[in-house]
């Protein structure tokens, strides 16, 4: 289906009307998921943004169950637009003009929040937002080829890459995090033994969260254009959106023996 890139001030929000942020209107049976790809920046602006918008547009065009709109203005979401949106996909930075408490209420009411890469470098002064997305960006010691361990190989969003001994290799800018929310299920993490890793520090790179009636999916990948162009990354994002919106039933991911004890918990 189509993705229309609009600058109409009816999308991603000054959030003036709290009632519009109680959650999305239920989708009619058989209707597509309604997503907005938001690339608002109030800090560092990634060079890949224009290409990422084109790629999200192509994903929308070829994915029958998904409609994607896009905005580069965080002021554009109105309460009415929030009520008509199933998924917000953030590739954002800095103190964008969104009320974190209303955003959290929207997710708790059944909305799906999907964060890509720099979405954790957003609204860092808001504990509500950091807790909602799952953590805060704390530097990127790696911009090179690294090993990624898949901790939940049964999860659709973690099954895009072919694996060798439960891992795959990718070349991208790799984040580390602080203020990690312990209420998360980690899908992928930095493989042990990489240079510059600190002993005892967790290095999750993709995770999910259940928040009330809604869901959150986050991936730290997606800095480099060649990553965005890859079929594996695009599938990773699409399956994250699918899982977060419950577009199709997803199997409960089995526990992985490779998952550190501090990531174990109720599968999500």
C-alpha atoms as a PDB file:
ATOM      1  CA  UNK A   1       0.000   0.000   0.000  1.00  0.00           C
ATOM      2  CA  UNK A   2       1.040   3.598  -0.181  1.00  0.00           C
ATOM      3  CA  UNK A   3       2.991   5.875   2.092  1.00  0.00           C
ATOM      4  CA  UNK A   4       2.207   9.585   1.675  1.00  0.00           C
ATOM      5  CA  UNK A   5       4.811  12.000   2.996  1.00  0.00           C
ATOM      6  CA  UNK A   6       2.877  14.935   4.343  1.00  0.00           C
ATOM      7  CA  UNK A   7       3.657  18.151   6.108  1.00  0.00           C
ATOM      8  CA  UNK A   8       0.033  18.766   7.051  1.00  0.00           C
ATOM      9  CA  UNK A   9      -0.281  19.827  10.648  1.00  0.00           C
ATOM     10  CA  UNK A  10      -2.627  17.016  11.542  1.00  0.00           C
ATOM     11  CA  UNK A  11      -0.269  14.266  12.552  1.00  0.00           C
ATOM     12  CA  UNK A  12       2.278  13.968  15.222  1.00  0.00           C
ATOM     13  CA  UNK A  13       1.474  16.378  18.000  1.00  0.00           C
ATOM     14  CA  UNK A  14       1.394  19.301  20.206  1.00  0.00           C
ATOM     15  CA  UNK A  15      -0.861  16.882  22.054  1.00  0.00           C
ATOM     16  CA  UNK A  16      -3.376  19.476  23.106  1.00  0.00           C
ATOM     17  CA  UNK A  17      -6.377  17.181  23.528  1.00  0.00           C
ATOM     18  CA  UNK A  18      -5.724  14.473  26.111  1.00  0.00           C
ATOM     19  CA  UNK A  19      -8.816  12.472  25.157  1.00  0.00           C
ATOM     20  CA  UNK A  20      -7.276  11.653  21.785  1.00  0.00           C
ATOM     21  CA  UNK A  21      -4.389   9.882  23.472  1.00  0.00           C
ATOM     22  CA  UNK A  22      -6.296   7.127  25.210  1.00  0.00           C
ATOM     23  CA  UNK A  23      -5.355   4.669  22.452  1.00  0.00           C
ATOM     24  CA  UNK A  24      -6.061   4.002  18.785  1.00  0.00           C
ATOM     25  CA  UNK A  25      -9.515   3.294  17.434  1.00  0.00           C
ATOM     26  CA  UNK A  26      -9.910  -0.459  16.873  1.00  0.00           C
ATOM     27  CA  UNK A  27      -9.167  -1.559  13.317  1.00  0.00           C
ATOM     28  CA  UNK A  28     -11.978  -3.018  11.284  1.00  0.00           C
ATOM     29  CA  UNK A  29     -11.461  -6.693  10.410  1.00  0.00           C
ATOM     30  CA  UNK A  30      -9.275  -7.010   7.336  1.00  0.00           C
ATOM     31  CA  UNK A  31      -8.187  -3.371   7.345  1.00  0.00           C
ATOM     32  CA  UNK A  32      -4.466  -2.525   7.213  1.00  0.00           C
ATOM     33  CA  UNK A  33      -2.331  -1.393  10.115  1.00  0.00           C
ATOM     34  CA  UNK A  34      -2.087   2.398  10.131  1.00  0.00           C
ATOM     35  CA  UNK A  35       1.490   3.520  10.858  1.00  0.00           C
ATOM     36  CA  UNK A  36       3.285   6.863  10.937  1.00  0.00           C
ATOM     37  CA  UNK A  37       7.039   6.982  10.389  1.00  0.00           C
ATOM     38  CA  UNK A  38       8.312  10.018  12.326  1.00  0.00           C
ATOM     39  CA  UNK A  39      11.798  11.409  11.682  1.00  0.00           C
ATOM     40  CA  UNK A  40      11.571  14.571  13.783  1.00  0.00           C
ATOM     41  CA  UNK A  41      14.975  15.722  15.016  1.00  0.00           C
ATOM     42  CA  UNK A  42      15.854  18.183  17.755  1.00  0.00           C
ATOM     43  CA  UNK A  43      19.461  16.996  17.956  1.00  0.00           C
ATOM     44  CA  UNK A  44      21.723  15.116  15.592  1.00  0.00           C
ATOM     45  CA  UNK A  45      20.073  14.493  12.227  1.00  0.00           C
ATOM     46  CA  UNK A  46      21.080  11.217  10.599  1.00  0.00           C
ATOM     47  CA  UNK A  47      22.054  11.413   6.956  1.00  0.00           C
ATOM     48  CA  UNK A  48      20.102   8.247   6.210  1.00  0.00           C
ATOM     49  CA  UNK A  49      16.728   9.860   6.989  1.00  0.00           C
ATOM     50  CA  UNK A  50      15.707  10.734   3.399  1.00  0.00           C
ATOM     51  CA  UNK A  51      16.598   7.249   2.172  1.00  0.00           C
ATOM     52  CA  UNK A  52      14.898   5.643   5.166  1.00  0.00           C
ATOM     53  CA  UNK A  53      11.686   7.479   4.268  1.00  0.00           C
ATOM     54  CA  UNK A  54      11.883   6.142   0.721  1.00  0.00           C
ATOM     55  CA  UNK A  55      12.479   2.639   2.043  1.00  0.00           C
ATOM     56  CA  UNK A  56       9.559   2.859   4.452  1.00  0.00           C
ATOM     57  CA  UNK A  57       7.470   4.055   1.523  1.00  0.00           C
ATOM     58  CA  UNK A  58       8.498   1.006  -0.505  1.00  0.00           C
ATOM     59  CA  UNK A  59       7.702  -1.259   2.437  1.00  0.00           C
ATOM     60  CA  UNK A  60       4.240   0.280   2.644  1.00  0.00           C
ATOM     61  CA  UNK A  61       3.687  -0.155  -1.069  1.00  0.00           C
ATOM     62  CA  UNK A  62       4.531  -3.852  -1.075  1.00  0.00           C
ATOM     63  CA  UNK A  63       3.021  -4.893   2.251  1.00  0.00           C
ATOM     64  CA  UNK A  64      -0.679  -5.602   1.931  1.00  0.00           C
ATOM     65  CA  UNK A  65      -1.446  -5.403   5.648  1.00  0.00           C
ATOM     66  CA  UNK A  66       0.396  -2.118   6.270  1.00  0.00           C
ATOM     67  CA  UNK A  67      -0.335   1.533   5.427  1.00  0.00           C
ATOM     68  CA  UNK A  68       2.486   3.961   6.268  1.00  0.00           C
ATOM     69  CA  UNK A  69       2.384   7.735   6.432  1.00  0.00           C
ATOM     70  CA  UNK A  70       5.411   9.878   7.303  1.00  0.00           C
ATOM     71  CA  UNK A  71       6.241  13.173   8.911  1.00  0.00           C
ATOM     72  CA  UNK A  72       9.409  15.031   9.849  1.00  0.00           C
ATOM     73  CA  UNK A  73       7.539  17.274  12.301  1.00  0.00           C
ATOM     74  CA  UNK A  74       6.750  16.112  15.803  1.00  0.00           C
ATOM     75  CA  UNK A  75       4.188  18.899  16.034  1.00  0.00           C
ATOM     76  CA  UNK A  76       2.046  17.313  13.371  1.00  0.00           C
ATOM     77  CA  UNK A  77       0.180  14.681  15.330  1.00  0.00           C
ATOM     78  CA  UNK A  78      -3.168  15.836  16.596  1.00  0.00           C
ATOM     79  CA  UNK A  79      -5.315  13.993  19.088  1.00  0.00           C
ATOM     80  CA  UNK A  80      -7.617  12.962  16.257  1.00  0.00           C
ATOM     81  CA  UNK A  81      -4.700  11.593  14.241  1.00  0.00           C
ATOM     82  CA  UNK A  82      -3.432   9.606  17.223  1.00  0.00           C
ATOM     83  CA  UNK A  83      -6.834   7.968  17.551  1.00  0.00           C
ATOM     84  CA  UNK A  84      -6.632   6.860  13.898  1.00  0.00           C
ATOM     85  CA  UNK A  85      -3.067   5.493  14.137  1.00  0.00           C
ATOM     86  CA  UNK A  86      -2.095   1.978  15.192  1.00  0.00           C
ATOM     87  CA  UNK A  87       1.702   2.345  15.188  1.00  0.00           C
ATOM     88  CA  UNK A  88       4.179   5.172  15.656  1.00  0.00           C
ATOM     89  CA  UNK A  89       7.610   4.387  14.223  1.00  0.00           C
ATOM     90  CA  UNK A  90      10.253   6.734  15.653  1.00  0.00           C
ATOM     91  CA  UNK A  91      13.610   7.557  14.066  1.00  0.00           C
ATOM     92  CA  UNK A  92      13.994  10.667  16.189  1.00  0.00           C
ATOM     93  CA  UNK A  93      16.514  12.594  18.256  1.00  0.00           C
ATOM     94  CA  UNK A  94      16.497  15.164  21.019  1.00  0.00           C
ATOM     95  CA  UNK A  95      13.717  17.005  22.815  1.00  0.00           C
ATOM     96  CA  UNK A  96      11.058  16.638  20.135  1.00  0.00           C
ATOM     97  CA  UNK A  97       7.720  18.285  20.879  1.00  0.00           C
ATOM     98  CA  UNK A  98       5.756  15.318  22.138  1.00  0.00           C
ATOM     99  CA  UNK A  99       4.242  14.929  25.585  1.00  0.00           C
ATOM    100  CA  UNK A 100       5.743  11.671  26.930  1.00  0.00           C
ATOM    101  CA  UNK A 101       2.925  11.052  29.400  1.00  0.00           C
ATOM    102  CA  UNK A 102       0.269  11.252  26.699  1.00  0.00           C
ATOM    103  CA  UNK A 103       2.375   9.066  24.432  1.00  0.00           C
ATOM    104  CA  UNK A 104       2.650   6.471  27.185  1.00  0.00           C
ATOM    105  CA  UNK A 105      -1.111   6.643  27.777  1.00  0.00           C
ATOM    106  CA  UNK A 106      -1.677   6.053  24.062  1.00  0.00           C
ATOM    107  CA  UNK A 107       0.542   2.955  24.158  1.00  0.00           C
ATOM    108  CA  UNK A 108      -1.171   1.680  27.310  1.00  0.00           C
ATOM    109  CA  UNK A 109      -4.471   2.116  25.512  1.00  0.00           C
ATOM    110  CA  UNK A 110      -3.389  -0.238  22.742  1.00  0.00           C
ATOM    111  CA  UNK A 111      -0.953   1.729  20.594  1.00  0.00           C
ATOM    112  CA  UNK A 112       2.257   0.290  19.169  1.00  0.00           C
ATOM    113  CA  UNK A 113       5.517   2.221  19.536  1.00  0.00           C
ATOM    114  CA  UNK A 114       8.369   1.091  17.304  1.00  0.00           C
ATOM    115  CA  UNK A 115      11.762   2.698  17.911  1.00  0.00           C
ATOM    116  CA  UNK A 116      14.611   2.465  15.420  1.00  0.00           C
ATOM    117  CA  UNK A 117      18.235   3.287  16.289  1.00  0.00           C
ATOM    118  CA  UNK A 118      18.188   6.892  17.561  1.00  0.00           C
ATOM    119  CA  UNK A 119      14.727   6.633  19.131  1.00  0.00           C
ATOM    120  CA  UNK A 120      16.643   5.979  22.375  1.00  0.00           C
ATOM    121  CA  UNK A 121      18.490   9.298  21.852  1.00  0.00           C
ATOM    122  CA  UNK A 122      15.173  11.112  22.212  1.00  0.00           C
ATOM    123  CA  UNK A 123      13.530  12.901  25.163  1.00  0.00           C
ATOM    124  CA  UNK A 124      16.341  11.822  27.476  1.00  0.00           C
ATOM    125  CA  UNK A 125      15.173  14.217  30.203  1.00  0.00           C
ATOM    126  CA  UNK A 126      11.878  12.373  30.436  1.00  0.00           C
ATOM    127  CA  UNK A 127      11.979   9.329  32.667  1.00  0.00           C
ATOM    128  CA  UNK A 128       8.546   8.411  31.334  1.00  0.00           C
ATOM    129  CA  UNK A 129       9.780   8.212  27.752  1.00  0.00           C
ATOM    130  CA  UNK A 130      13.048   6.460  28.634  1.00  0.00           C
ATOM    131  CA  UNK A 131      11.112   3.872  30.583  1.00  0.00           C
ATOM    132  CA  UNK A 132       8.602   3.476  27.760  1.00  0.00           C
ATOM    133  CA  UNK A 133      11.124   2.964  24.961  1.00  0.00           C
ATOM    134  CA  UNK A 134      13.261   0.810  27.254  1.00  0.00           C
ATOM    135  CA  UNK A 135      16.539   2.687  27.751  1.00  0.00           C
ATOM    136  CA  UNK A 136      18.685   5.709  26.950  1.00  0.00           C
ATOM    137  CA  UNK A 137      21.505   6.007  24.424  1.00  0.00           C
ATOM    138  CA  UNK A 138      24.897   6.058  26.162  1.00  0.00           C
ATOM    139  CA  UNK A 139      27.348   6.276  23.287  1.00  0.00           C
ATOM    140  CA  UNK A 140      28.321   4.164  20.284  1.00  0.00           C
ATOM    141  CA  UNK A 141      31.739   2.598  20.879  1.00  0.00           C
ATOM    142  CA  UNK A 142      31.413   0.524  17.689  1.00  0.00           C
ATOM    143  CA  UNK A 143      31.013   1.661  14.104  1.00  0.00           C
ATOM    144  CA  UNK A 144      32.395  -1.477  12.508  1.00  0.00           C
ATOM    145  CA  UNK A 145      31.724  -5.151  11.916  1.00  0.00           C
ATOM    146  CA  UNK A 146      30.481  -6.804  15.083  1.00  0.00           C
ATOM    147  CA  UNK A 147      28.850 -10.060  16.081  1.00  0.00           C
ATOM    148  CA  UNK A 148      25.203  -9.990  17.130  1.00  0.00           C
ATOM    149  CA  UNK A 149      23.773 -12.778  19.266  1.00  0.00           C
ATOM    150  CA  UNK A 150      20.125 -13.703  18.726  1.00  0.00           C
ATOM    151  CA  UNK A 151      18.683 -14.316  22.192  1.00  0.00           C
ATOM    152  CA  UNK A 152      15.139 -15.154  21.061  1.00  0.00           C
ATOM    153  CA  UNK A 153      15.530 -17.048  17.769  1.00  0.00           C
ATOM    154  CA  UNK A 154      11.839 -17.988  17.768  1.00  0.00           C
ATOM    155  CA  UNK A 155      10.664 -14.378  17.650  1.00  0.00           C
ATOM    156  CA  UNK A 156       9.641 -13.199  14.147  1.00  0.00           C
ATOM    157  CA  UNK A 157      11.575  -9.932  14.529  1.00  0.00           C
ATOM    158  CA  UNK A 158      14.765 -11.822  15.403  1.00  0.00           C
ATOM    159  CA  UNK A 159      14.704 -14.354  12.593  1.00  0.00           C
ATOM    160  CA  UNK A 160      15.737 -12.204   9.631  1.00  0.00           C
ATOM    161  CA  UNK A 161      19.454 -13.032   9.512  1.00  0.00           C
ATOM    162  CA  UNK A 162      21.051 -16.415   8.819  1.00  0.00           C
ATOM    163  CA  UNK A 163      22.892 -17.539  11.911  1.00  0.00           C
ATOM    164  CA  UNK A 164      26.129 -19.312  12.678  1.00  0.00           C
ATOM    165  CA  UNK A 165      26.213 -20.651  16.242  1.00  0.00           C
ATOM    166  CA  UNK A 166      23.324 -18.376  17.141  1.00  0.00           C
ATOM    167  CA  UNK A 167      25.014 -15.217  15.836  1.00  0.00           C
ATOM    168  CA  UNK A 168      25.327 -13.073  12.729  1.00  0.00           C
ATOM    169  CA  UNK A 169      27.763 -10.352  11.700  1.00  0.00           C
ATOM    170  CA  UNK A 170      26.764  -6.824  10.710  1.00  0.00           C
ATOM    171  CA  UNK A 171      28.590  -3.563  10.047  1.00  0.00           C
ATOM    172  CA  UNK A 172      26.747  -0.660  11.665  1.00  0.00           C
ATOM    173  CA  UNK A 173      26.969   1.950  14.404  1.00  0.00           C
ATOM    174  CA  UNK A 174      26.294   0.029  17.606  1.00  0.00           C
ATOM    175  CA  UNK A 175      24.803   1.690  20.666  1.00  0.00           C
ATOM    176  CA  UNK A 176      25.222   0.962  24.329  1.00  0.00           C
ATOM    177  CA  UNK A 177      22.606   2.050  26.860  1.00  0.00           C
ATOM    178  CA  UNK A 178      21.972   3.312  30.365  1.00  0.00           C
ATOM    179  CA  UNK A 179      18.745   3.478  32.409  1.00  0.00           C
ATOM    180  CA  UNK A 180      17.633   0.165  30.913  1.00  0.00           C
ATOM    181  CA  UNK A 181      14.120  -0.835  31.881  1.00  0.00           C
ATOM    182  CA  UNK A 182      14.311  -4.292  33.484  1.00  0.00           C
ATOM    183  CA  UNK A 183      10.797  -5.034  32.208  1.00  0.00           C
ATOM    184  CA  UNK A 184      11.835  -6.006  28.690  1.00  0.00           C
ATOM    185  CA  UNK A 185      12.461  -9.104  26.637  1.00  0.00           C
ATOM    186  CA  UNK A 186      15.736  -8.944  24.745  1.00  0.00           C
ATOM    187  CA  UNK A 187      15.685 -10.346  21.214  1.00  0.00           C
ATOM    188  CA  UNK A 188      19.284  -9.608  20.198  1.00  0.00           C
ATOM    189  CA  UNK A 189      22.419  -8.416  21.945  1.00  0.00           C
ATOM    190  CA  UNK A 190      26.054  -7.716  21.245  1.00  0.00           C
ATOM    191  CA  UNK A 191      27.905 -11.022  21.056  1.00  0.00           C
ATOM    192  CA  UNK A 192      30.336 -11.617  23.932  1.00  0.00           C
ATOM    193  CA  UNK A 193      34.004 -11.075  23.229  1.00  0.00           C
ATOM    194  CA  UNK A 194      33.738  -7.875  21.180  1.00  0.00           C
ATOM    195  CA  UNK A 195      36.455  -5.332  21.787  1.00  0.00           C
ATOM    196  CA  UNK A 196      35.553  -2.434  24.107  1.00  0.00           C
ATOM    197  CA  UNK A 197      32.878  -4.329  26.023  1.00  0.00           C
ATOM    198  CA  UNK A 198      32.830  -3.603  29.761  1.00  0.00           C
ATOM    199  CA  UNK A 199      32.695  -6.605  32.106  1.00  0.00           C
ATOM    200  CA  UNK A 200      29.290  -7.120  33.647  1.00  0.00           C
ATOM    201  CA  UNK A 201      27.530  -4.574  31.463  1.00  0.00           C
ATOM    202  CA  UNK A 202      24.497  -5.742  29.440  1.00  0.00           C
ATOM    203  CA  UNK A 203      24.454  -4.922  25.715  1.00  0.00           C
ATOM    204  CA  UNK A 204      20.917  -5.431  24.408  1.00  0.00           C
ATOM    205  CA  UNK A 205      20.353  -4.323  20.810  1.00  0.00           C
ATOM    206  CA  UNK A 206      16.723  -5.225  20.133  1.00  0.00           C
ATOM    207  CA  UNK A 207      13.923  -5.771  22.593  1.00  0.00           C
ATOM    208  CA  UNK A 208      10.182  -5.836  23.160  1.00  0.00           C
ATOM    209  CA  UNK A 209       7.957  -4.566  25.952  1.00  0.00           C
ATOM    210  CA  UNK A 210       4.324  -5.070  26.921  1.00  0.00           C
ATOM    211  CA  UNK A 211       2.773  -1.824  28.191  1.00  0.00           C
ATOM    212  CA  UNK A 212      -0.850  -2.111  29.249  1.00  0.00           C
ATOM    213  CA  UNK A 213      -2.834  -3.030  26.130  1.00  0.00           C
ATOM    214  CA  UNK A 214      -0.003  -1.839  23.865  1.00  0.00           C
ATOM    215  CA  UNK A 215       3.435  -2.975  22.831  1.00  0.00           C
ATOM    216  CA  UNK A 216       6.890  -1.517  22.226  1.00  0.00           C
ATOM    217  CA  UNK A 217       9.516  -2.853  19.825  1.00  0.00           C
ATOM    218  CA  UNK A 218      12.991  -1.324  19.608  1.00  0.00           C
ATOM    219  CA  UNK A 219      16.038  -2.039  17.476  1.00  0.00           C
ATOM    220  CA  UNK A 220      19.359  -0.260  17.853  1.00  0.00           C
ATOM    221  CA  UNK A 221      20.363  -1.078  14.277  1.00  0.00           C
ATOM    222  CA  UNK A 222      19.743   1.257  11.345  1.00  0.00           C
ATOM    223  CA  UNK A 223      22.473   3.887  11.231  1.00  0.00           C
ATOM    224  CA  UNK A 224      24.104   3.043   7.920  1.00  0.00           C
ATOM    225  CA  UNK A 225      22.366   3.283   4.528  1.00  0.00           C
ATOM    226  CA  UNK A 226      23.541  -0.191   3.530  1.00  0.00           C
ATOM    227  CA  UNK A 227      21.845  -1.604   6.632  1.00  0.00           C
ATOM    228  CA  UNK A 228      18.569   0.066   5.675  1.00  0.00           C
ATOM    229  CA  UNK A 229      18.901  -1.299   2.126  1.00  0.00           C
ATOM    230  CA  UNK A 230      19.325  -4.872   3.269  1.00  0.00           C
ATOM    231  CA  UNK A 231      16.418  -7.309   3.054  1.00  0.00           C
ATOM    232  CA  UNK A 232      17.286  -8.631   6.513  1.00  0.00           C
ATOM    233  CA  UNK A 233      16.976  -5.278   8.255  1.00  0.00           C
ATOM    234  CA  UNK A 234      13.765  -4.425   6.427  1.00  0.00           C
ATOM    235  CA  UNK A 235      12.278  -7.749   7.477  1.00  0.00           C
ATOM    236  CA  UNK A 236      13.461  -7.098  11.044  1.00  0.00           C
ATOM    237  CA  UNK A 237      11.546  -3.790  11.087  1.00  0.00           C
ATOM    238  CA  UNK A 238       8.434  -5.162   9.371  1.00  0.00           C
ATOM    239  CA  UNK A 239       8.206  -8.101  11.771  1.00  0.00           C
ATOM    240  CA  UNK A 240       8.713  -5.716  14.692  1.00  0.00           C
ATOM    241  CA  UNK A 241       5.767  -3.639  13.476  1.00  0.00           C
ATOM    242  CA  UNK A 242       3.709  -6.769  12.907  1.00  0.00           C
ATOM    243  CA  UNK A 243       4.424  -8.050  16.419  1.00  0.00           C
ATOM    244  CA  UNK A 244       3.809  -4.680  18.092  1.00  0.00           C
ATOM    245  CA  UNK A 245       0.468  -4.187  16.327  1.00  0.00           C
ATOM    246  CA  UNK A 246      -0.648  -7.812  16.636  1.00  0.00           C
ATOM    247  CA  UNK A 247      -1.281  -7.795  12.907  1.00  0.00           C
ATOM    248  CA  UNK A 248      -0.915 -11.564  12.931  1.00  0.00           C
ATOM    249  CA  UNK A 249      -0.547 -13.946  15.836  1.00  0.00           C
ATOM    250  CA  UNK A 250       3.124 -14.332  16.692  1.00  0.00           C
ATOM    251  CA  UNK A 251       4.419 -17.492  18.377  1.00  0.00           C
ATOM    252  CA  UNK A 252       5.682 -17.121  21.911  1.00  0.00           C
ATOM    253  CA  UNK A 253       9.472 -17.094  21.569  1.00  0.00           C
ATOM    254  CA  UNK A 254      11.114 -20.001  23.364  1.00  0.00           C
ATOM    255  CA  UNK A 255      13.722 -19.296  26.010  1.00  0.00           C
ATOM    256  CA  UNK A 256      17.265 -19.398  24.667  1.00  0.00           C
ATOM    257  CA  UNK A 257      20.054 -21.043  26.593  1.00  0.00           C
ATOM    258  CA  UNK A 258      22.288 -18.283  25.253  1.00  0.00           C
ATOM    259  CA  UNK A 259      20.230 -15.604  26.992  1.00  0.00           C
ATOM    260  CA  UNK A 260      21.885 -14.171  30.117  1.00  0.00           C
ATOM    261  CA  UNK A 261      20.059 -14.823  33.367  1.00  0.00           C
ATOM    262  CA  UNK A 262      19.265 -11.141  33.833  1.00  0.00           C
ATOM    263  CA  UNK A 263      17.254 -11.198  30.578  1.00  0.00           C
ATOM    264  CA  UNK A 264      15.135 -14.193  31.566  1.00  0.00           C
ATOM    265  CA  UNK A 265      11.494 -13.609  32.386  1.00  0.00           C
ATOM    266  CA  UNK A 266       8.036 -14.061  31.009  1.00  0.00           C
ATOM    267  CA  UNK A 267       8.285 -14.364  27.197  1.00  0.00           C
ATOM    268  CA  UNK A 268       6.646 -11.498  25.310  1.00  0.00           C
END
